[in-house]
Amino acid sequence: MSHAKPAPKDGLTKFQRYRRTQADKGMKLLRVWVPDPTRPEFAKEAARQGRLLRGRPEEAEALAFIEAAFSCGYE
């Protein structure tokens, strides 16, 4: 006795249907490579960039952006 759902007649996989639904909502799939924060080089580079910003007007701008990003109702 199988409890599996019958396959939909559209021939699409669950993921293909999901992507199509999202596209129909006006969403776009975006894949992007980002630095891996678990690598030692990441922390070293972040510290280097932080030192470059220290005391500059861009530092206040960057901190304001970070604060705004983290205060978007997730408190």
PDB file of N, CA and C in Angstrom:
ATOM      1  N   MET A   1       0.844  -1.178   0.000  1.00  0.00           N
ATOM      2  CA  MET A   1       0.000   0.000   0.000  1.00  0.00           C
ATOM      3  C   MET A   1       0.889   1.240   0.000  1.00  0.00           C
ATOM      4  N   SER A   2       0.810   2.052  -1.026  1.00  0.00           N
ATOM      5  CA  SER A   2       1.650   3.232  -1.170  1.00  0.00           C
ATOM      6  C   SER A   2       0.905   4.478  -0.695  1.00  0.00           C
ATOM      7  N   HIS A   3       1.629   5.305   0.038  1.00  0.00           N
ATOM      8  CA  HIS A   3       1.053   6.562   0.515  1.00  0.00           C
ATOM      9  C   HIS A   3       1.575   7.752  -0.277  1.00  0.00           C
ATOM     10  N   ALA A   4       2.305   7.494  -1.329  1.00  0.00           N
ATOM     11  CA  ALA A   4       2.868   8.565  -2.146  1.00  0.00           C
ATOM     12  C   ALA A   4       1.759   9.251  -2.930  1.00  0.00           C
ATOM     13  N   LYS A   5       1.927  10.564  -3.082  1.00  0.00           N
ATOM     14  CA  LYS A   5       0.960  11.321  -3.872  1.00  0.00           C
ATOM     15  C   LYS A   5       1.172  11.002  -5.343  1.00  0.00           C
ATOM     16  N   PRO A   6       0.113  10.987  -6.112  1.00  0.00           N
ATOM     17  CA  PRO A   6       0.283  10.758  -7.552  1.00  0.00           C
ATOM     18  C   PRO A   6       1.029  11.943  -8.176  1.00  0.00           C
ATOM     19  N   ALA A   7       1.815  11.655  -9.186  1.00  0.00           N
ATOM     20  CA  ALA A   7       2.572  12.700  -9.867  1.00  0.00           C
ATOM     21  C   ALA A   7       1.619  13.654 -10.574  1.00  0.00           C
ATOM     22  N   PRO A   8       1.900  14.963 -10.487  1.00  0.00           N
ATOM     23  CA  PRO A   8       1.052  15.926 -11.193  1.00  0.00           C
ATOM     24  C   PRO A   8       1.125  15.696 -12.699  1.00  0.00           C
ATOM     25  N   LYS A   9       0.109  16.103 -13.382  1.00  0.00           N
ATOM     26  CA  LYS A   9       0.028  15.873 -14.819  1.00  0.00           C
ATOM     27  C   LYS A   9       0.853  16.880 -15.635  1.00  0.00           C
ATOM     28  N   ASP A  10       1.387  17.917 -14.979  1.00  0.00           N
ATOM     29  CA  ASP A  10       2.165  18.903 -15.726  1.00  0.00           C
ATOM     30  C   ASP A  10       3.581  18.418 -16.029  1.00  0.00           C
ATOM     31  N   GLY A  11       4.020  17.320 -15.415  1.00  0.00           N
ATOM     32  CA  GLY A  11       5.341  16.776 -15.682  1.00  0.00           C
ATOM     33  C   GLY A  11       6.481  17.524 -15.010  1.00  0.00           C
ATOM     34  N   LEU A  12       6.162  18.514 -14.182  1.00  0.00           N
ATOM     35  CA  LEU A  12       7.192  19.292 -13.512  1.00  0.00           C
ATOM     36  C   LEU A  12       7.516  18.698 -12.149  1.00  0.00           C
ATOM     37  N   THR A  13       8.748  18.931 -11.707  1.00  0.00           N
ATOM     38  CA  THR A  13       9.114  18.510 -10.354  1.00  0.00           C
ATOM     39  C   THR A  13       8.575  19.545  -9.366  1.00  0.00           C
ATOM     40  N   LYS A  14       8.607  19.183  -8.103  1.00  0.00           N
ATOM     41  CA  LYS A  14       8.168  20.089  -7.044  1.00  0.00           C
ATOM     42  C   LYS A  14       8.936  21.408  -7.120  1.00  0.00           C
ATOM     43  N   PHE A  15      10.258  21.335  -7.361  1.00  0.00           N
ATOM     44  CA  PHE A  15      11.084  22.530  -7.415  1.00  0.00           C
ATOM     45  C   PHE A  15      10.788  23.372  -8.655  1.00  0.00           C
ATOM     46  N   GLN A  16      10.540  22.717  -9.772  1.00  0.00           N
ATOM     47  CA  GLN A  16      10.196  23.459 -10.989  1.00  0.00           C
ATOM     48  C   GLN A  16       8.879  24.205 -10.805  1.00  0.00           C
ATOM     49  N   ARG A  17       7.906  23.542 -10.173  1.00  0.00           N
ATOM     50  CA  ARG A  17       6.633  24.202  -9.903  1.00  0.00           C
ATOM     51  C   ARG A  17       6.825  25.385  -8.967  1.00  0.00           C
ATOM     52  N   TYR A  18       7.648  25.213  -7.931  1.00  0.00           N
ATOM     53  CA  TYR A  18       7.910  26.293  -6.986  1.00  0.00           C
ATOM     54  C   TYR A  18       8.556  27.481  -7.704  1.00  0.00           C
ATOM     55  N   ARG A  19       9.565  27.208  -8.530  1.00  0.00           N
ATOM     56  CA  ARG A  19      10.239  28.290  -9.252  1.00  0.00           C
ATOM     57  C   ARG A  19       9.265  29.011 -10.192  1.00  0.00           C
ATOM     58  N   ARG A  20       8.417  28.250 -10.847  1.00  0.00           N
ATOM     59  CA  ARG A  20       7.436  28.862 -11.745  1.00  0.00           C
ATOM     60  C   ARG A  20       6.462  29.736 -10.960  1.00  0.00           C
ATOM     61  N   THR A  21       6.011  29.253  -9.814  1.00  0.00           N
ATOM     62  CA  THR A  21       5.098  30.026  -8.966  1.00  0.00           C
ATOM     63  C   THR A  21       5.750  31.326  -8.524  1.00  0.00           C
ATOM     64  N   GLN A  22       7.005  31.238  -8.108  1.00  0.00           N
ATOM     65  CA  GLN A  22       7.722  32.438  -7.677  1.00  0.00           C
ATOM     66  C   GLN A  22       7.882  33.414  -8.847  1.00  0.00           C
ATOM     67  N   ALA A  23       8.217  32.904 -10.024  1.00  0.00           N
ATOM     68  CA  ALA A  23       8.369  33.762 -11.204  1.00  0.00           C
ATOM     69  C   ALA A  23       7.040  34.440 -11.542  1.00  0.00           C
ATOM     70  N   ASP A  24       5.954  33.696 -11.399  1.00  0.00           N
ATOM     71  CA  ASP A  24       4.630  34.273 -11.659  1.00  0.00           C
ATOM     72  C   ASP A  24       4.303  35.393 -10.675  1.00  0.00           C
ATOM     73  N   LYS A  25       4.908  35.359  -9.505  1.00  0.00           N
ATOM     74  CA  LYS A  25       4.720  36.419  -8.497  1.00  0.00           C
ATOM     75  C   LYS A  25       5.658  37.596  -8.732  1.00  0.00           C
ATOM     76  N   GLY A  26       6.456  37.517  -9.791  1.00  0.00           N
ATOM     77  CA  GLY A  26       7.382  38.597 -10.102  1.00  0.00           C
ATOM     78  C   GLY A  26       8.744  38.449  -9.445  1.00  0.00           C
ATOM     79  N   MET A  27       9.025  37.278  -8.889  1.00  0.00           N
ATOM     80  CA  MET A  27      10.308  37.044  -8.238  1.00  0.00           C
ATOM     81  C   MET A  27      11.303  36.481  -9.250  1.00  0.00           C
ATOM     82  N   LYS A  28      12.585  36.729  -8.996  1.00  0.00           N
ATOM     83  CA  LYS A  28      13.638  36.232  -9.879  1.00  0.00           C
ATOM     84  C   LYS A  28      14.645  35.461  -9.037  1.00  0.00           C
ATOM     85  N   LEU A  29      15.010  34.275  -9.484  1.00  0.00           N
ATOM     86  CA  LEU A  29      16.018  33.468  -8.810  1.00  0.00           C
ATOM     87  C   LEU A  29      17.376  34.099  -9.049  1.00  0.00           C
ATOM     88  N   LEU A  30      18.134  34.279  -7.974  1.00  0.00           N
ATOM     89  CA  LEU A  30      19.447  34.886  -8.076  1.00  0.00           C
ATOM     90  C   LEU A  30      20.441  34.004  -7.347  1.00  0.00           C
ATOM     91  N   ARG A  31      21.474  33.607  -8.034  1.00  0.00           N
ATOM     92  CA  ARG A  31      22.558  32.849  -7.418  1.00  0.00           C
ATOM     93  C   ARG A  31      23.777  33.745  -7.408  1.00  0.00           C
ATOM     94  N   VAL A  32      24.435  33.782  -6.280  1.00  0.00           N
ATOM     95  CA  VAL A  32      25.582  34.667  -6.171  1.00  0.00           C
ATOM     96  C   VAL A  32      26.617  34.022  -5.260  1.00  0.00           C
ATOM     97  N   TRP A  33      27.871  34.176  -5.624  1.00  0.00           N
ATOM     98  CA  TRP A  33      28.965  33.701  -4.787  1.00  0.00           C
ATOM     99  C   TRP A  33      29.327  34.810  -3.814  1.00  0.00           C
ATOM    100  N   VAL A  34      29.458  34.472  -2.560  1.00  0.00           N
ATOM    101  CA  VAL A  34      29.835  35.439  -1.534  1.00  0.00           C
ATOM    102  C   VAL A  34      31.018  34.895  -0.742  1.00  0.00           C
ATOM    103  N   PRO A  35      31.773  35.777  -0.100  1.00  0.00           N
ATOM    104  CA  PRO A  35      32.890  35.292   0.712  1.00  0.00           C
ATOM    105  C   PRO A  35      32.399  34.379   1.843  1.00  0.00           C
ATOM    106  N   ASP A  36      33.170  33.358   2.146  1.00  0.00           N
ATOM    107  CA  ASP A  36      32.826  32.398   3.195  1.00  0.00           C
ATOM    108  C   ASP A  36      33.283  32.961   4.542  1.00  0.00           C
ATOM    109  N   PRO A  37      32.339  33.346   5.415  1.00  0.00           N
ATOM    110  CA  PRO A  37      32.719  33.956   6.695  1.00  0.00           C
ATOM    111  C   PRO A  37      33.379  32.992   7.673  1.00  0.00           C
ATOM    112  N   THR A  38      33.431  31.711   7.353  1.00  0.00           N
ATOM    113  CA  THR A  38      34.071  30.756   8.260  1.00  0.00           C
ATOM    114  C   THR A  38      35.562  30.607   7.979  1.00  0.00           C
ATOM    115  N   ARG A  39      36.031  31.200   6.895  1.00  0.00           N
ATOM    116  CA  ARG A  39      37.458  31.089   6.550  1.00  0.00           C
ATOM    117  C   ARG A  39      38.266  32.137   7.300  1.00  0.00           C
ATOM    118  N   PRO A  40      39.458  31.795   7.730  1.00  0.00           N
ATOM    119  CA  PRO A  40      40.290  32.754   8.472  1.00  0.00           C
ATOM    120  C   PRO A  40      40.575  34.032   7.682  1.00  0.00           C
ATOM    121  N   GLU A  41      40.705  33.912   6.361  1.00  0.00           N
ATOM    122  CA  GLU A  41      40.981  35.095   5.543  1.00  0.00           C
ATOM    123  C   GLU A  41      39.860  36.114   5.611  1.00  0.00           C
ATOM    124  N   PHE A  42      38.629  35.616   5.826  1.00  0.00           N
ATOM    125  CA  PHE A  42      37.475  36.525   5.884  1.00  0.00           C
ATOM    126  C   PHE A  42      37.628  37.481   7.062  1.00  0.00           C
ATOM    127  N   ALA A  43      37.913  36.945   8.241  1.00  0.00           N
ATOM    128  CA  ALA A  43      38.060  37.778   9.436  1.00  0.00           C
ATOM    129  C   ALA A  43      39.212  38.763   9.272  1.00  0.00           C
ATOM    130  N   LYS A  44      40.298  38.297   8.673  1.00  0.00           N
ATOM    131  CA  LYS A  44      41.459  39.154   8.463  1.00  0.00           C
ATOM    132  C   LYS A  44      41.110  40.311   7.526  1.00  0.00           C
ATOM    133  N   GLU A  45      40.421  40.013   6.449  1.00  0.00           N
ATOM    134  CA  GLU A  45      40.035  41.053   5.487  1.00  0.00           C
ATOM    135  C   GLU A  45      39.002  42.006   6.091  1.00  0.00           C
ATOM    136  N   ALA A  46      38.058  41.476   6.865  1.00  0.00           N
ATOM    137  CA  ALA A  46      37.058  42.336   7.516  1.00  0.00           C
ATOM    138  C   ALA A  46      37.740  43.309   8.474  1.00  0.00           C
ATOM    139  N   ALA A  47      38.722  42.821   9.232  1.00  0.00           N
ATOM    140  CA  ALA A  47      39.461  43.674  10.161  1.00  0.00           C
ATOM    141  C   ALA A  47      40.236  44.742   9.389  1.00  0.00           C
ATOM    142  N   ARG A  48      40.855  44.353   8.277  1.00  0.00           N
ATOM    143  CA  ARG A  48      41.609  45.307   7.458  1.00  0.00           C
ATOM    144  C   ARG A  48      40.702  46.417   6.942  1.00  0.00           C
ATOM    145  N   GLN A  49      39.540  46.033   6.419  1.00  0.00           N
ATOM    146  CA  GLN A  49      38.607  47.030   5.899  1.00  0.00           C
ATOM    147  C   GLN A  49      38.054  47.909   7.018  1.00  0.00           C
ATOM    148  N   GLY A  50      37.842  47.313   8.186  1.00  0.00           N
ATOM    149  CA  GLY A  50      37.385  48.091   9.332  1.00  0.00           C
ATOM    150  C   GLY A  50      38.397  49.159   9.729  1.00  0.00           C
ATOM    151  N   ARG A  51      39.670  48.785   9.714  1.00  0.00           N
ATOM    152  CA  ARG A  51      40.722  49.761  10.039  1.00  0.00           C
ATOM    153  C   ARG A  51      40.746  50.901   9.021  1.00  0.00           C
ATOM    154  N   LEU A  52      40.525  50.572   7.748  1.00  0.00           N
ATOM    155  CA  LEU A  52      40.513  51.604   6.708  1.00  0.00           C
ATOM    156  C   LEU A  52      39.354  52.585   6.892  1.00  0.00           C
ATOM    157  N   LEU A  53      38.239  52.109   7.422  1.00  0.00           N
ATOM    158  CA  LEU A  53      37.062  52.956   7.611  1.00  0.00           C
ATOM    159  C   LEU A  53      37.114  53.797   8.878  1.00  0.00           C
ATOM    160  N   ARG A  54      37.839  53.328   9.873  1.00  0.00           N
ATOM    161  CA  ARG A  54      37.810  53.953  11.192  1.00  0.00           C
ATOM    162  C   ARG A  54      38.050  55.456  11.104  1.00  0.00           C
ATOM    163  N   GLY A  55      37.062  56.216  11.638  1.00  0.00           N
ATOM    164  CA  GLY A  55      37.174  57.669  11.689  1.00  0.00           C
ATOM    165  C   GLY A  55      36.771  58.402  10.417  1.00  0.00           C
ATOM    166  N   ARG A  56      36.437  57.678   9.389  1.00  0.00           N
ATOM    167  CA  ARG A  56      36.059  58.311   8.123  1.00  0.00           C
ATOM    168  C   ARG A  56      34.548  58.490   8.068  1.00  0.00           C
ATOM    169  N   PRO A  57      34.052  59.428   7.257  1.00  0.00           N
ATOM    170  CA  PRO A  57      32.595  59.619   7.126  1.00  0.00           C
ATOM    171  C   PRO A  57      31.888  58.343   6.656  1.00  0.00           C
ATOM    172  N   GLU A  58      32.584  57.558   5.841  1.00  0.00           N
ATOM    173  CA  GLU A  58      31.981  56.320   5.344  1.00  0.00           C
ATOM    174  C   GLU A  58      31.717  55.330   6.476  1.00  0.00           C
ATOM    175  N   GLU A  59      32.470  55.428   7.573  1.00  0.00           N
ATOM    176  CA  GLU A  59      32.255  54.532   8.706  1.00  0.00           C
ATOM    177  C   GLU A  59      30.869  54.759   9.294  1.00  0.00           C
ATOM    178  N   ALA A  60      30.507  56.022   9.514  1.00  0.00           N
ATOM    179  CA  ALA A  60      29.185  56.331  10.065  1.00  0.00           C
ATOM    180  C   ALA A  60      28.085  55.862   9.113  1.00  0.00           C
ATOM    181  N   GLU A  61      28.301  56.044   7.819  1.00  0.00           N
ATOM    182  CA  GLU A  61      27.321  55.604   6.820  1.00  0.00           C
ATOM    183  C   GLU A  61      27.157  54.080   6.861  1.00  0.00           C
ATOM    184  N   ALA A  62      28.276  53.368   6.930  1.00  0.00           N
ATOM    185  CA  ALA A  62      28.219  51.898   6.969  1.00  0.00           C
ATOM    186  C   ALA A  62      27.541  51.416   8.245  1.00  0.00           C
ATOM    187  N   LEU A  63      27.859  52.022   9.372  1.00  0.00           N
ATOM    188  CA  LEU A  63      27.246  51.616  10.645  1.00  0.00           C
ATOM    189  C   LEU A  63      25.750  51.917  10.657  1.00  0.00           C
ATOM    190  N   ALA A  64      25.351  53.047  10.075  1.00  0.00           N
ATOM    191  CA  ALA A  64      23.929  53.384   9.990  1.00  0.00           C
ATOM    192  C   ALA A  64      23.188  52.367   9.120  1.00  0.00           C
ATOM    193  N   PHE A  65      23.825  51.953   8.033  1.00  0.00           N
ATOM    194  CA  PHE A  65      23.212  50.952   7.157  1.00  0.00           C
ATOM    195  C   PHE A  65      23.027  49.629   7.901  1.00  0.00           C
ATOM    196  N   ILE A  66      24.067  49.204   8.607  1.00  0.00           N
ATOM    197  CA  ILE A  66      23.998  47.943   9.352  1.00  0.00           C
ATOM    198  C   ILE A  66      22.915  48.018  10.420  1.00  0.00           C
ATOM    199  N   GLU A  67      22.865  49.125  11.146  1.00  0.00           N
ATOM    200  CA  GLU A  67      21.850  49.288  12.183  1.00  0.00           C
ATOM    201  C   GLU A  67      20.445  49.253  11.595  1.00  0.00           C
ATOM    202  N   ALA A  68      20.259  49.935  10.469  1.00  0.00           N
ATOM    203  CA  ALA A  68      18.940  49.938   9.816  1.00  0.00           C
ATOM    204  C   ALA A  68      18.567  48.538   9.343  1.00  0.00           C
ATOM    205  N   ALA A  69      19.545  47.799   8.820  1.00  0.00           N
ATOM    206  CA  ALA A  69      19.277  46.443   8.325  1.00  0.00           C
ATOM    207  C   ALA A  69      18.856  45.518   9.459  1.00  0.00           C
ATOM    208  N   PHE A  70      19.436  45.706  10.626  1.00  0.00           N
ATOM    209  CA  PHE A  70      19.116  44.836  11.748  1.00  0.00           C
ATOM    210  C   PHE A  70      17.913  45.298  12.552  1.00  0.00           C
ATOM    211  N   SER A  71      17.391  46.466  12.260  1.00  0.00           N
ATOM    212  CA  SER A  71      16.230  46.950  13.016  1.00  0.00           C
ATOM    213  C   SER A  71      14.970  46.963  12.160  1.00  0.00           C
ATOM    214  N   CYS A  72      14.894  46.064  11.209  1.00  0.00           N
ATOM    215  CA  CYS A  72      13.738  45.994  10.313  1.00  0.00           C
ATOM    216  C   CYS A  72      12.609  45.165  10.910  1.00  0.00           C
ATOM    217  N   GLY A  73      12.327  45.351  12.187  1.00  0.00           N
ATOM    218  CA  GLY A  73      11.218  44.650  12.809  1.00  0.00           C
ATOM    219  C   GLY A  73      11.549  43.251  13.294  1.00  0.00           C
ATOM    220  N   TYR A  74      12.807  42.918  13.414  1.00  0.00           N
ATOM    221  CA  TYR A  74      13.195  41.589  13.866  1.00  0.00           C
ATOM    222  C   TYR A  74      13.617  41.595  15.329  1.00  0.00           C
ATOM    223  N   GLU A  75      13.186  42.582  16.067  1.00  0.00           N
ATOM    224  CA  GLU A  75      13.606  42.688  17.472  1.00  0.00           C
ATOM    225  C   GLU A  75      12.799  41.768  18.351  1.00  0.00           C
TER     226      GLU A  75
END
